[in-house]
PDB file of all heavy atoms in Angstrom:
ATOM      1  N   HIS A   1       0.803  -1.255  -0.051  1.00  0.00           N
ATOM      2  CA  HIS A   1      -0.016  -0.037  -0.047  1.00  0.00           C
ATOM      3  C   HIS A   1       0.883   1.249  -0.014  1.00  0.00           C
ATOM      4  O   HIS A   1       0.440   2.304   0.528  1.00  0.00           O
ATOM      5  CB  HIS A   1      -0.935   0.006   1.188  1.00  0.00           C
ATOM      6  CG  HIS A   1      -2.042  -1.003   1.107  1.00  0.00           C
ATOM      7  ND1 HIS A   1      -2.853  -1.364   2.076  1.00  0.00           N
ATOM      8  CD2 HIS A   1      -2.421  -1.847   0.032  1.00  0.00           C
ATOM      9  CE1 HIS A   1      -3.711  -2.337   1.657  1.00  0.00           C
ATOM     10  NE2 HIS A   1      -3.459  -2.638   0.375  1.00  0.00           N
ATOM     11  N   GLN A   2       1.974   1.128  -0.631  1.00  0.00           N
ATOM     12  CA  GLN A   2       2.838   2.344  -0.817  1.00  0.00           C
ATOM     13  C   GLN A   2       2.692   2.832  -2.277  1.00  0.00           C
ATOM     14  O   GLN A   2       2.665   2.014  -3.228  1.00  0.00           O
ATOM     15  CB  GLN A   2       4.365   2.088  -0.529  1.00  0.00           C
ATOM     16  CG  GLN A   2       4.668   1.628   0.903  1.00  0.00           C
ATOM     17  CD  GLN A   2       4.380   2.791   1.885  1.00  0.00           C
ATOM     18  OE1 GLN A   2       4.767   3.933   1.572  1.00  0.00           O
ATOM     19  NE2 GLN A   2       3.754   2.424   3.062  1.00  0.00           N
ATOM     20  N   LEU A   3       2.627   4.101  -2.467  1.00  0.00           N
ATOM     21  CA  LEU A   3       2.334   4.677  -3.767  1.00  0.00           C
ATOM     22  C   LEU A   3       3.546   4.483  -4.644  1.00  0.00           C
ATOM     23  O   LEU A   3       4.719   4.808  -4.240  1.00  0.00           O
ATOM     24  CB  LEU A   3       2.015   6.132  -3.748  1.00  0.00           C
ATOM     25  CG  LEU A   3       1.638   6.871  -4.953  1.00  0.00           C
ATOM     26  CD1 LEU A   3       0.399   6.275  -5.561  1.00  0.00           C
ATOM     27  CD2 LEU A   3       1.554   8.324  -4.815  1.00  0.00           C
ATOM     28  N   LYS A   4       3.363   3.940  -5.889  1.00  0.00           N
ATOM     29  CA  LYS A   4       4.480   3.747  -6.869  1.00  0.00           C
ATOM     30  C   LYS A   4       4.109   4.250  -8.179  1.00  0.00           C
ATOM     31  O   LYS A   4       2.902   4.395  -8.533  1.00  0.00           O
ATOM     32  CB  LYS A   4       4.769   2.231  -6.944  1.00  0.00           C
ATOM     33  CG  LYS A   4       5.230   1.533  -5.743  1.00  0.00           C
ATOM     34  CD  LYS A   4       5.537   0.108  -5.932  1.00  0.00           C
ATOM     35  CE  LYS A   4       6.151  -0.559  -4.674  1.00  0.00           C
ATOM     36  NZ  LYS A   4       6.566  -1.963  -4.874  1.00  0.00           N
ATOM     37  N   THR A   5       5.093   4.601  -8.950  1.00  0.00           N
ATOM     38  CA  THR A   5       4.892   5.327 -10.273  1.00  0.00           C
ATOM     39  C   THR A   5       5.721   4.483 -11.347  1.00  0.00           C
ATOM     40  O   THR A   5       6.923   4.220 -10.984  1.00  0.00           O
ATOM     41  CB  THR A   5       5.131   6.836 -10.307  1.00  0.00           C
ATOM     42  OG1 THR A   5       4.374   7.428  -9.282  1.00  0.00           O
ATOM     43  CG2 THR A   5       4.814   7.396 -11.647  1.00  0.00           C
ATOM     44  N   ILE A   6       5.156   4.219 -12.541  1.00  0.00           N
ATOM     45  CA  ILE A   6       5.869   3.535 -13.491  1.00  0.00           C
ATOM     46  C   ILE A   6       5.541   4.284 -14.794  1.00  0.00           C
ATOM     47  O   ILE A   6       4.482   4.883 -14.957  1.00  0.00           O
ATOM     48  CB  ILE A   6       5.423   2.094 -13.613  1.00  0.00           C
ATOM     49  CG1 ILE A   6       6.309   1.293 -14.502  1.00  0.00           C
ATOM     50  CG2 ILE A   6       3.977   1.934 -13.963  1.00  0.00           C
ATOM     51  CD1 ILE A   6       6.045  -0.171 -14.524  1.00  0.00           C
ATOM     52  N   ALA A   7       6.627   4.361 -15.703  1.00  0.00           N
ATOM     53  CA  ALA A   7       6.443   5.097 -16.972  1.00  0.00           C
ATOM     54  C   ALA A   7       6.842   4.263 -18.217  1.00  0.00           C
ATOM     55  O   ALA A   7       7.409   3.180 -18.011  1.00  0.00           O
ATOM     56  CB  ALA A   7       7.416   6.361 -16.931  1.00  0.00           C
ATOM     57  N   THR A   8       6.343   4.630 -19.249  1.00  0.00           N
ATOM     58  CA  THR A   8       6.547   3.968 -20.582  1.00  0.00           C
ATOM     59  C   THR A   8       7.600   4.699 -21.283  1.00  0.00           C
ATOM     60  O   THR A   8       7.464   5.935 -21.418  1.00  0.00           O
ATOM     61  CB  THR A   8       5.317   3.771 -21.400  1.00  0.00           C
ATOM     62  OG1 THR A   8       4.749   5.056 -21.741  1.00  0.00           O
ATOM     63  CG2 THR A   8       4.289   2.970 -20.629  1.00  0.00           C
ATOM     64  N   THR A   9       8.571   4.028 -21.929  1.00  0.00           N
ATOM     65  CA  THR A   9       9.520   4.718 -22.806  1.00  0.00           C
ATOM     66  C   THR A   9       9.658   3.909 -24.067  1.00  0.00           C
ATOM     67  O   THR A   9       9.578   2.668 -24.080  1.00  0.00           O
ATOM     68  CB  THR A   9      10.881   4.798 -22.077  1.00  0.00           C
ATOM     69  OG1 THR A   9      11.323   3.517 -21.766  1.00  0.00           O
ATOM     70  CG2 THR A   9      10.812   5.664 -20.885  1.00  0.00           C
ATOM     71  N   THR A  10       9.831   4.663 -25.247  1.00  0.00           N
ATOM     72  CA  THR A  10      10.020   3.920 -26.544  1.00  0.00           C
ATOM     73  C   THR A  10      11.106   4.632 -27.266  1.00  0.00           C
ATOM     74  O   THR A  10      11.370   5.892 -27.164  1.00  0.00           O
ATOM     75  CB  THR A  10       8.664   3.986 -27.302  1.00  0.00           C
ATOM     76  OG1 THR A  10       8.331   5.383 -27.435  1.00  0.00           O
ATOM     77  CG2 THR A  10       7.691   3.294 -26.634  1.00  0.00           C
ATOM     78  N   PRO A  11      11.846   3.966 -28.213  1.00  0.00           N
ATOM     79  CA  PRO A  11      12.800   4.721 -29.039  1.00  0.00           C
ATOM     80  C   PRO A  11      12.084   5.516 -30.120  1.00  0.00           C
ATOM     81  O   PRO A  11      10.973   5.327 -30.342  1.00  0.00           O
ATOM     82  CB  PRO A  11      13.593   3.498 -29.675  1.00  0.00           C
ATOM     83  CG  PRO A  11      12.581   2.406 -29.634  1.00  0.00           C
ATOM     84  CD  PRO A  11      11.800   2.578 -28.434  1.00  0.00           C
ATOM     85  N   PRO A  12      12.736   6.611 -30.568  1.00  0.00           N
ATOM     86  CA  PRO A  12      12.177   7.466 -31.627  1.00  0.00           C
ATOM     87  C   PRO A  12      11.939   6.681 -32.863  1.00  0.00           C
ATOM     88  O   PRO A  12      12.489   5.683 -33.163  1.00  0.00           O
ATOM     89  CB  PRO A  12      13.142   8.595 -31.806  1.00  0.00           C
ATOM     90  CG  PRO A  12      14.468   7.937 -31.431  1.00  0.00           C
ATOM     91  CD  PRO A  12      14.132   6.964 -30.340  1.00  0.00           C
ATOM     92  N   LEU A  13      10.935   7.214 -33.636  1.00  0.00           N
ATOM     93  CA  LEU A  13      10.530   6.570 -34.916  1.00  0.00           C
ATOM     94  C   LEU A  13      10.915   7.488 -36.031  1.00  0.00           C
ATOM     95  O   LEU A  13      10.483   8.711 -36.004  1.00  0.00           O
ATOM     96  CB  LEU A  13       8.983   6.327 -34.903  1.00  0.00           C
ATOM     97  CG  LEU A  13       8.383   5.735 -36.256  1.00  0.00           C
ATOM     98  CD1 LEU A  13       9.049   4.403 -36.460  1.00  0.00           C
ATOM     99  CD2 LEU A  13       6.911   5.810 -36.233  1.00  0.00           C
ATOM    100  N   GLU A  14      11.606   7.057 -37.078  1.00  0.00           N
ATOM    101  CA  GLU A  14      12.101   7.866 -38.142  1.00  0.00           C
ATOM    102  C   GLU A  14      11.159   7.615 -39.396  1.00  0.00           C
ATOM    103  O   GLU A  14      11.040   6.428 -39.854  1.00  0.00           O
ATOM    104  CB  GLU A  14      13.473   7.529 -38.551  1.00  0.00           C
ATOM    105  CG  GLU A  14      14.027   8.346 -39.658  1.00  0.00           C
ATOM    106  CD  GLU A  14      15.468   8.079 -39.983  1.00  0.00           C
ATOM    107  OE1 GLU A  14      16.054   7.268 -39.308  1.00  0.00           O
ATOM    108  OE2 GLU A  14      15.970   8.716 -40.979  1.00  0.00           O
ATOM    109  N   VAL A  15      10.458   8.661 -39.916  1.00  0.00           N
ATOM    110  CA  VAL A  15       9.469   8.496 -40.976  1.00  0.00           C
ATOM    111  C   VAL A  15      10.218   9.010 -42.208  1.00  0.00           C
ATOM    112  O   VAL A  15      10.625  10.188 -42.265  1.00  0.00           O
ATOM    113  CB  VAL A  15       8.223   9.283 -40.648  1.00  0.00           C
ATOM    114  CG1 VAL A  15       7.216   9.070 -41.862  1.00  0.00           C
ATOM    115  CG2 VAL A  15       7.529   8.691 -39.421  1.00  0.00           C
ATOM    116  N   MET A  16      10.196   8.251 -43.318  1.00  0.00           N
ATOM    117  CA  MET A  16      10.828   8.610 -44.534  1.00  0.00           C
ATOM    118  C   MET A  16       9.834   9.229 -45.435  1.00  0.00           C
ATOM    119  O   MET A  16       8.591   9.313 -45.137  1.00  0.00           O
ATOM    120  CB  MET A  16      11.575   7.395 -45.178  1.00  0.00           C
ATOM    121  CG  MET A  16      12.377   6.522 -44.241  1.00  0.00           C
ATOM    122  SD  MET A  16      13.762   7.449 -43.526  1.00  0.00           S
ATOM    123  CE  MET A  16      14.763   7.669 -44.905  1.00  0.00           C
ATOM    124  N   ASN A  17      10.200   9.725 -46.640  1.00  0.00           N
ATOM    125  CA  ASN A  17       9.376  10.249 -47.670  1.00  0.00           C
ATOM    126  C   ASN A  17       8.372   9.077 -48.110  1.00  0.00           C
ATOM    127  O   ASN A  17       8.688   7.892 -48.043  1.00  0.00           O
ATOM    128  CB  ASN A  17      10.105  10.841 -48.723  1.00  0.00           C
ATOM    129  CG  ASN A  17      10.782  12.211 -48.392  1.00  0.00           C
ATOM    130  OD1 ASN A  17      10.141  12.942 -47.669  1.00  0.00           O
ATOM    131  ND2 ASN A  17      12.048  12.416 -48.843  1.00  0.00           N
ATOM    132  N   ARG A  18       7.283   9.544 -48.733  1.00  0.00           N
ATOM    133  CA  ARG A  18       6.372   8.614 -49.318  1.00  0.00           C
ATOM    134  C   ARG A  18       7.069   7.772 -50.384  1.00  0.00           C
ATOM    135  O   ARG A  18       7.800   8.373 -51.264  1.00  0.00           O
ATOM    136  CB  ARG A  18       5.119   9.304 -49.890  1.00  0.00           C
ATOM    137  CG  ARG A  18       4.247  10.008 -48.839  1.00  0.00           C
ATOM    138  CD  ARG A  18       3.118  10.700 -49.461  1.00  0.00           C
ATOM    139  NE  ARG A  18       2.320  11.381 -48.471  1.00  0.00           N
ATOM    140  CZ  ARG A  18       1.223  10.962 -47.907  1.00  0.00           C
ATOM    141  NH1 ARG A  18       0.836   9.727 -48.248  1.00  0.00           N
ATOM    142  NH2 ARG A  18       0.596  11.591 -47.034  1.00  0.00           N
ATOM    143  N   PRO A  19       6.728   6.557 -50.570  1.00  0.00           N
ATOM    144  CA  PRO A  19       7.349   5.763 -51.656  1.00  0.00           C
ATOM    145  C   PRO A  19       6.724   6.213 -52.984  1.00  0.00           C
ATOM    146  O   PRO A  19       5.545   6.492 -53.131  1.00  0.00           O
ATOM    147  CB  PRO A  19       6.984   4.287 -51.428  1.00  0.00           C
ATOM    148  CG  PRO A  19       5.753   4.470 -50.455  1.00  0.00           C
ATOM    149  CD  PRO A  19       5.968   5.695 -49.735  1.00  0.00           C
ATOM    150  N   VAL A  20       7.645   6.315 -53.975  1.00  0.00           N
ATOM    151  CA  VAL A  20       7.203   6.776 -55.361  1.00  0.00           C
ATOM    152  C   VAL A  20       7.067   5.594 -56.238  1.00  0.00           C
ATOM    153  O   VAL A  20       7.888   4.659 -56.418  1.00  0.00           O
ATOM    154  CB  VAL A  20       8.317   7.726 -56.049  1.00  0.00           C
ATOM    155  CG1 VAL A  20       7.871   8.152 -57.424  1.00  0.00           C
ATOM    156  CG2 VAL A  20       8.517   8.994 -55.111  1.00  0.00           C
ATOM    157  N   PHE A  21       5.864   5.449 -56.821  1.00  0.00           N
ATOM    158  CA  PHE A  21       5.502   4.349 -57.631  1.00  0.00           C
ATOM    159  C   PHE A  21       5.624   4.792 -59.109  1.00  0.00           C
ATOM    160  O   PHE A  21       4.927   5.678 -59.608  1.00  0.00           O
ATOM    161  CB  PHE A  21       4.018   3.887 -57.460  1.00  0.00           C
ATOM    162  CG  PHE A  21       3.799   3.362 -56.037  1.00  0.00           C
ATOM    163  CD1 PHE A  21       3.328   4.293 -55.049  1.00  0.00           C
ATOM    164  CD2 PHE A  21       4.160   2.157 -55.577  1.00  0.00           C
ATOM    165  CE1 PHE A  21       3.125   3.844 -53.825  1.00  0.00           C
ATOM    166  CE2 PHE A  21       3.998   1.745 -54.338  1.00  0.00           C
ATOM    167  CZ  PHE A  21       3.426   2.584 -53.386  1.00  0.00           C
ATOM    168  N   THR A  22       6.554   4.182 -59.981  1.00  0.00           N
ATOM    169  CA  THR A  22       6.861   4.563 -61.280  1.00  0.00           C
ATOM    170  C   THR A  22       6.482   3.335 -62.194  1.00  0.00           C
ATOM    171  O   THR A  22       6.370   2.219 -61.749  1.00  0.00           O
ATOM    172  CB  THR A  22       8.325   4.875 -61.452  1.00  0.00           C
ATOM    173  OG1 THR A  22       9.194   3.719 -61.097  1.00  0.00           O
ATOM    174  CG2 THR A  22       8.643   6.095 -60.557  1.00  0.00           C
ATOM    175  N   GLN A  23       6.402   3.669 -63.477  1.00  0.00           N
ATOM    176  CA  GLN A  23       6.127   2.604 -64.525  1.00  0.00           C
ATOM    177  C   GLN A  23       7.427   1.805 -64.676  1.00  0.00           C
ATOM    178  O   GLN A  23       8.544   2.245 -64.610  1.00  0.00           O
ATOM    179  CB  GLN A  23       5.724   3.278 -65.884  1.00  0.00           C
ATOM    180  CG  GLN A  23       4.460   4.016 -65.810  1.00  0.00           C
ATOM    181  CD  GLN A  23       3.296   3.151 -65.555  1.00  0.00           C
ATOM    182  OE1 GLN A  23       3.316   1.950 -65.902  1.00  0.00           O
ATOM    183  NE2 GLN A  23       2.247   3.651 -64.939  1.00  0.00           N
ATOM    184  N   PRO A  24       7.213   0.446 -64.937  1.00  0.00           N
ATOM    185  CA  PRO A  24       8.393  -0.383 -65.146  1.00  0.00           C
ATOM    186  C   PRO A  24       9.104  -0.023 -66.339  1.00  0.00           C
ATOM    187  O   PRO A  24       8.617   0.608 -67.372  1.00  0.00           O
ATOM    188  CB  PRO A  24       7.779  -1.817 -65.261  1.00  0.00           C
ATOM    189  CG  PRO A  24       6.393  -1.526 -65.647  1.00  0.00           C
ATOM    190  CD  PRO A  24       6.001  -0.263 -64.996  1.00  0.00           C
ATOM    191  N   ASP A  25      10.428  -0.280 -66.363  1.00  0.00           N
ATOM    192  CA  ASP A  25      11.285   0.025 -67.524  1.00  0.00           C
ATOM    193  C   ASP A  25      10.879  -0.861 -68.683  1.00  0.00           C
ATOM    194  O   ASP A  25      10.370  -1.910 -68.612  1.00  0.00           O
ATOM    195  CB  ASP A  25      12.802  -0.190 -67.124  1.00  0.00           C
ATOM    196  CG  ASP A  25      13.166   0.764 -66.005  1.00  0.00           C
ATOM    197  OD1 ASP A  25      12.615   1.818 -65.960  1.00  0.00           O
ATOM    198  OD2 ASP A  25      14.098   0.389 -65.231  1.00  0.00           O
ATOM    199  N   ALA A  26      11.384  -0.384 -69.924  1.00  0.00           N
ATOM    200  CA  ALA A  26      11.041  -1.231 -71.229  1.00  0.00           C
ATOM    201  C   ALA A  26      11.871  -2.430 -71.103  1.00  0.00           C
ATOM    202  O   ALA A  26      11.432  -3.458 -71.658  1.00  0.00           O
ATOM    203  CB  ALA A  26      11.501  -0.306 -72.386  1.00  0.00           C
ATOM    204  N   VAL A  27      13.098  -2.427 -70.625  1.00  0.00           N
ATOM    205  CA  VAL A  27      13.902  -3.663 -70.583  1.00  0.00           C
ATOM    206  C   VAL A  27      13.390  -4.512 -69.433  1.00  0.00           C
ATOM    207  O   VAL A  27      13.460  -4.092 -68.299  1.00  0.00           O
ATOM    208  CB  VAL A  27      15.481  -3.367 -70.382  1.00  0.00           C
ATOM    209  CG1 VAL A  27      16.238  -4.539 -70.350  1.00  0.00           C
ATOM    210  CG2 VAL A  27      15.895  -2.367 -71.447  1.00  0.00           C
ATOM    211  N   PRO A  28      13.072  -5.794 -69.705  1.00  0.00           N
ATOM    212  CA  PRO A  28      12.496  -6.543 -68.648  1.00  0.00           C
ATOM    213  C   PRO A  28      13.688  -6.952 -67.644  1.00  0.00           C
ATOM    214  O   PRO A  28      14.886  -7.114 -68.002  1.00  0.00           O
ATOM    215  CB  PRO A  28      12.030  -7.819 -69.367  1.00  0.00           C
ATOM    216  CG  PRO A  28      12.774  -7.868 -70.645  1.00  0.00           C
ATOM    217  CD  PRO A  28      13.049  -6.492 -71.006  1.00  0.00           C
ATOM    218  N   SER A  29      13.314  -7.130 -66.430  1.00  0.00           N
ATOM    219  CA  SER A  29      14.261  -7.472 -65.376  1.00  0.00           C
ATOM    220  C   SER A  29      14.540  -8.973 -65.484  1.00  0.00           C
ATOM    221  O   SER A  29      13.826  -9.723 -66.140  1.00  0.00           O
ATOM    222  CB  SER A  29      13.606  -7.176 -63.980  1.00  0.00           C
ATOM    223  OG  SER A  29      12.505  -7.952 -63.812  1.00  0.00           O
ATOM    224  N   PRO A  30      15.631  -9.398 -64.925  1.00  0.00           N
ATOM    225  CA  PRO A  30      16.086 -10.840 -64.950  1.00  0.00           C
ATOM    226  C   PRO A  30      14.955 -11.704 -64.421  1.00  0.00           C
ATOM    227  O   PRO A  30      14.709 -12.820 -64.969  1.00  0.00           O
ATOM    228  CB  PRO A  30      17.310 -10.913 -64.244  1.00  0.00           C
ATOM    229  CG  PRO A  30      17.834  -9.572 -64.183  1.00  0.00           C
ATOM    230  CD  PRO A  30      16.762  -8.623 -64.248  1.00  0.00           C
ATOM    231  N   ILE A  31      14.343 -11.274 -63.351  1.00  0.00           N
ATOM    232  CA  ILE A  31      13.306 -12.044 -62.750  1.00  0.00           C
ATOM    233  C   ILE A  31      12.026 -12.262 -63.670  1.00  0.00           C
ATOM    234  O   ILE A  31      11.566 -13.365 -63.937  1.00  0.00           O
ATOM    235  CB  ILE A  31      12.761 -11.414 -61.387  1.00  0.00           C
ATOM    236  CG1 ILE A  31      13.969 -11.450 -60.438  1.00  0.00           C
ATOM    237  CG2 ILE A  31      11.632 -12.163 -60.749  1.00  0.00           C
ATOM    238  CD1 ILE A  31      13.648 -10.779 -59.111  1.00  0.00           C
TER     239      ILE A  31
END
């Protein structure tokens, strides 16, 4: 019955630019 305090911690989150969707090249890929 003693008062206790607990906290949450998290590492920072790095957000990159939006992914750019382009048309496929004329030369087919090996796959």
